[in-house]
Amino acid sequence: MNKSIFTTTVFVIWLAALPTFASDMPKGAKIIPPSKLDRSKPIPRSSPFSWITPEDSDLFPRFNSVNGTTKYTLHIDAEGKVVRCEVTSSDAPQEWNAIACNLLSTRARFLPALDANGQLTAGKFSNKIKWR
């Protein structure tokens, strides 16, 4: 396959996935073209906002007026799979953090990071969950 056909095919596939991903993005978020992505870090294959959603509320035990934030780091292997979830800080119930890590480890998938030689390598992804 020549380079221009391959590039066009990849762009069309990326563009086809864009509406779903874009609808999950918060207002004001920017879409970065594939050529501008920082490949030294793992890149989510789907929106992090889709990994834990309001539809998951039945999985979390009811606590009176839980508000807060859970900050986490996902450890990603060279195949793009989560191998560990680490809660770095949280004011949410401990039980919620465990359930959240389980969901994140199951649902999150990544385009693996690349080392200085362009080889697939492990990496980390950090984010937070705001509980309301």
C-alpha atoms as a PDB file:
ATOM      1  CA  MET A   1       0.000   0.000   0.000  1.00  0.00           C
ATOM      2  CA  ASN A   2       1.482   3.348  -0.895  1.00  0.00           C
ATOM      3  CA  LYS A   3       1.975   5.998   1.799  1.00  0.00           C
ATOM      4  CA  SER A   4      -0.737   8.407   0.602  1.00  0.00           C
ATOM      5  CA  ILE A   5      -3.427   5.689   0.553  1.00  0.00           C
ATOM      6  CA  PHE A   6      -2.335   4.510   4.015  1.00  0.00           C
ATOM      7  CA  THR A   7      -2.367   8.075   5.408  1.00  0.00           C
ATOM      8  CA  THR A   8      -5.788   8.735   3.886  1.00  0.00           C
ATOM      9  CA  THR A   9      -7.152   5.471   5.305  1.00  0.00           C
ATOM     10  CA  VAL A  10      -5.829   6.221   8.802  1.00  0.00           C
ATOM     11  CA  PHE A  11      -7.250   9.756   8.651  1.00  0.00           C
ATOM     12  CA  VAL A  12     -10.666   8.494   7.494  1.00  0.00           C
ATOM     13  CA  ILE A  13     -10.745   5.912  10.321  1.00  0.00           C
ATOM     14  CA  TRP A  14      -9.717   8.597  12.825  1.00  0.00           C
ATOM     15  CA  LEU A  15     -12.330  10.971  11.417  1.00  0.00           C
ATOM     16  CA  ALA A  16     -15.038   8.284  11.577  1.00  0.00           C
ATOM     17  CA  ALA A  17     -14.389   7.825  15.307  1.00  0.00           C
ATOM     18  CA  LEU A  18     -14.315  11.551  15.965  1.00  0.00           C
ATOM     19  CA  PRO A  19     -18.052  12.263  16.492  1.00  0.00           C
ATOM     20  CA  THR A  20     -18.344   9.690  19.307  1.00  0.00           C
ATOM     21  CA  PHE A  21     -15.182  10.871  21.011  1.00  0.00           C
ATOM     22  CA  ALA A  22     -16.032  14.538  20.508  1.00  0.00           C
ATOM     23  CA  SER A  23     -19.469  14.127  22.081  1.00  0.00           C
ATOM     24  CA  ASP A  24     -17.830  12.844  25.290  1.00  0.00           C
ATOM     25  CA  MET A  25     -15.443  15.777  25.529  1.00  0.00           C
ATOM     26  CA  PRO A  26     -16.077  18.657  27.910  1.00  0.00           C
ATOM     27  CA  LYS A  27     -16.963  22.055  26.521  1.00  0.00           C
ATOM     28  CA  GLY A  28     -13.878  23.918  25.355  1.00  0.00           C
ATOM     29  CA  ALA A  29     -11.714  20.794  24.922  1.00  0.00           C
ATOM     30  CA  LYS A  30      -9.565  20.735  21.795  1.00  0.00           C
ATOM     31  CA  ILE A  31      -9.062  17.872  19.357  1.00  0.00           C
ATOM     32  CA  ILE A  32      -5.393  17.268  18.590  1.00  0.00           C
ATOM     33  CA  PRO A  33      -4.546  15.900  15.120  1.00  0.00           C
ATOM     34  CA  PRO A  34      -2.709  12.527  15.206  1.00  0.00           C
ATOM     35  CA  SER A  35       0.469  14.083  13.792  1.00  0.00           C
ATOM     36  CA  LYS A  36       0.702  16.414  16.823  1.00  0.00           C
ATOM     37  CA  LEU A  37       0.247  13.775  19.542  1.00  0.00           C
ATOM     38  CA  ASP A  38       2.958  13.383  22.187  1.00  0.00           C
ATOM     39  CA  ARG A  39       3.847   9.700  21.765  1.00  0.00           C
ATOM     40  CA  SER A  40       6.226   9.700  24.756  1.00  0.00           C
ATOM     41  CA  LYS A  41       3.137   9.035  26.923  1.00  0.00           C
ATOM     42  CA  PRO A  42       0.280   6.526  26.529  1.00  0.00           C
ATOM     43  CA  ILE A  43      -2.702   7.980  24.638  1.00  0.00           C
ATOM     44  CA  PRO A  44      -6.275   6.973  25.578  1.00  0.00           C
ATOM     45  CA  ARG A  45      -8.085   5.090  22.780  1.00  0.00           C
ATOM     46  CA  SER A  46     -11.402   6.479  24.046  1.00  0.00           C
ATOM     47  CA  SER A  47     -12.475   9.452  26.065  1.00  0.00           C
ATOM     48  CA  PRO A  48     -11.578   9.130  29.758  1.00  0.00           C
ATOM     49  CA  PHE A  49     -15.027  10.608  30.430  1.00  0.00           C
ATOM     50  CA  SER A  50     -16.548   7.373  29.085  1.00  0.00           C
ATOM     51  CA  TRP A  51     -14.717   5.066  31.518  1.00  0.00           C
ATOM     52  CA  ILE A  52     -16.942   5.906  34.501  1.00  0.00           C
ATOM     53  CA  THR A  53     -20.356   7.362  33.733  1.00  0.00           C
ATOM     54  CA  PRO A  54     -23.587   8.225  35.582  1.00  0.00           C
ATOM     55  CA  GLU A  55     -24.946   4.859  34.342  1.00  0.00           C
ATOM     56  CA  ASP A  56     -22.451   3.195  36.705  1.00  0.00           C
ATOM     57  CA  SER A  57     -24.080   4.735  39.784  1.00  0.00           C
ATOM     58  CA  ASP A  58     -25.726   1.419  40.753  1.00  0.00           C
ATOM     59  CA  LEU A  59     -22.241  -0.053  41.275  1.00  0.00           C
ATOM     60  CA  PHE A  60     -21.366   2.476  43.968  1.00  0.00           C
ATOM     61  CA  PRO A  61     -22.857   2.097  47.460  1.00  0.00           C
ATOM     62  CA  ARG A  62     -25.009   5.038  48.519  1.00  0.00           C
ATOM     63  CA  PHE A  63     -23.345   7.501  50.834  1.00  0.00           C
ATOM     64  CA  ASN A  64     -25.075  10.669  51.946  1.00  0.00           C
ATOM     65  CA  SER A  65     -24.066  13.644  49.834  1.00  0.00           C
ATOM     66  CA  VAL A  66     -20.716  12.362  48.563  1.00  0.00           C
ATOM     67  CA  ASN A  67     -18.835  15.123  46.810  1.00  0.00           C
ATOM     68  CA  GLY A  68     -15.160  15.148  46.147  1.00  0.00           C
ATOM     69  CA  THR A  69     -12.341  14.154  43.868  1.00  0.00           C
ATOM     70  CA  THR A  70     -10.341  10.991  43.333  1.00  0.00           C
ATOM     71  CA  LYS A  71      -6.986  11.477  41.609  1.00  0.00           C
ATOM     72  CA  TYR A  72      -5.493   8.368  40.049  1.00  0.00           C
ATOM     73  CA  THR A  73      -2.579   7.099  37.985  1.00  0.00           C
ATOM     74  CA  LEU A  74      -2.937   4.182  35.590  1.00  0.00           C
ATOM     75  CA  HIS A  75       0.190   2.165  34.843  1.00  0.00           C
ATOM     76  CA  ILE A  76       0.091   1.087  31.192  1.00  0.00           C
ATOM     77  CA  ASP A  77       2.113  -1.771  29.684  1.00  0.00           C
ATOM     78  CA  ALA A  78       3.767  -1.782  26.243  1.00  0.00           C
ATOM     79  CA  GLU A  79       0.575  -3.275  24.737  1.00  0.00           C
ATOM     80  CA  GLY A  80      -1.647  -0.426  25.948  1.00  0.00           C
ATOM     81  CA  LYS A  81      -3.330  -2.343  28.781  1.00  0.00           C
ATOM     82  CA  VAL A  82      -3.762  -1.100  32.326  1.00  0.00           C
ATOM     83  CA  VAL A  83      -1.644  -3.222  34.664  1.00  0.00           C
ATOM     84  CA  ARG A  84      -2.174  -1.197  37.831  1.00  0.00           C
ATOM     85  CA  CYS A  85      -4.430   1.563  39.142  1.00  0.00           C
ATOM     86  CA  GLU A  86      -3.111   3.749  41.912  1.00  0.00           C
ATOM     87  CA  VAL A  87      -5.261   6.269  43.818  1.00  0.00           C
ATOM     88  CA  THR A  88      -2.908   9.176  44.483  1.00  0.00           C
ATOM     89  CA  SER A  89      -5.342  11.252  46.557  1.00  0.00           C
ATOM     90  CA  SER A  90      -9.028  11.130  47.367  1.00  0.00           C
ATOM     91  CA  ASP A  91     -11.713  12.488  49.624  1.00  0.00           C
ATOM     92  CA  ALA A  92     -14.236   9.906  48.393  1.00  0.00           C
ATOM     93  CA  PRO A  93     -15.082   6.748  50.353  1.00  0.00           C
ATOM     94  CA  GLN A  94     -12.359   4.076  50.129  1.00  0.00           C
ATOM     95  CA  GLU A  95     -14.874   1.592  48.707  1.00  0.00           C
ATOM     96  CA  TRP A  96     -15.621   3.960  45.822  1.00  0.00           C
ATOM     97  CA  ASN A  97     -11.921   4.267  44.989  1.00  0.00           C
ATOM     98  CA  ALA A  98     -11.613   0.470  44.746  1.00  0.00           C
ATOM     99  CA  ILE A  99     -14.674   0.218  42.469  1.00  0.00           C
ATOM    100  CA  ALA A 100     -13.419   3.123  40.335  1.00  0.00           C
ATOM    101  CA  CYS A 101      -9.989   1.483  39.909  1.00  0.00           C
ATOM    102  CA  ASN A 102     -11.650  -1.772  38.909  1.00  0.00           C
ATOM    103  CA  LEU A 103     -13.747   0.003  36.239  1.00  0.00           C
ATOM    104  CA  LEU A 104     -10.773   2.018  34.983  1.00  0.00           C
ATOM    105  CA  SER A 105      -8.581  -1.080  34.748  1.00  0.00           C
ATOM    106  CA  THR A 106     -11.281  -2.921  32.804  1.00  0.00           C
ATOM    107  CA  ARG A 107     -12.416  -0.157  30.447  1.00  0.00           C
ATOM    108  CA  ALA A 108      -9.398   2.039  29.714  1.00  0.00           C
ATOM    109  CA  ARG A 109      -7.227   1.107  26.732  1.00  0.00           C
ATOM    110  CA  PHE A 110      -4.308   3.043  25.352  1.00  0.00           C
ATOM    111  CA  LEU A 111      -2.084   3.572  22.386  1.00  0.00           C
ATOM    112  CA  PRO A 112       1.231   2.657  24.081  1.00  0.00           C
ATOM    113  CA  ALA A 113       3.979   5.175  24.635  1.00  0.00           C
ATOM    114  CA  LEU A 114       7.082   5.142  22.440  1.00  0.00           C
ATOM    115  CA  ASP A 115      10.633   5.372  23.770  1.00  0.00           C
ATOM    116  CA  ALA A 116      13.379   7.515  22.204  1.00  0.00           C
ATOM    117  CA  ASN A 117      14.029   4.754  19.626  1.00  0.00           C
ATOM    118  CA  GLY A 118      10.375   4.541  18.573  1.00  0.00           C
ATOM    119  CA  GLN A 119       9.821   1.236  20.399  1.00  0.00           C
ATOM    120  CA  LEU A 120       6.657   0.502  22.371  1.00  0.00           C
ATOM    121  CA  THR A 121       7.160   1.055  26.085  1.00  0.00           C
ATOM    122  CA  ALA A 122       5.245   1.192  29.349  1.00  0.00           C
ATOM    123  CA  GLY A 123       3.997   4.492  30.712  1.00  0.00           C
ATOM    124  CA  LYS A 124       1.573   6.223  33.050  1.00  0.00           C
ATOM    125  CA  PHE A 125      -1.660   8.173  32.643  1.00  0.00           C
ATOM    126  CA  SER A 126      -3.002  10.401  35.426  1.00  0.00           C
ATOM    127  CA  ASN A 127      -6.438  11.965  35.726  1.00  0.00           C
ATOM    128  CA  LYS A 128      -9.192  12.617  38.254  1.00  0.00           C
ATOM    129  CA  ILE A 129     -12.829  11.783  38.895  1.00  0.00           C
ATOM    130  CA  LYS A 130     -15.134  14.420  40.358  1.00  0.00           C
ATOM    131  CA  TRP A 131     -17.903  12.880  42.435  1.00  0.00           C
ATOM    132  CA  ARG A 132     -21.210  14.758  42.713  1.00  0.00           C
END
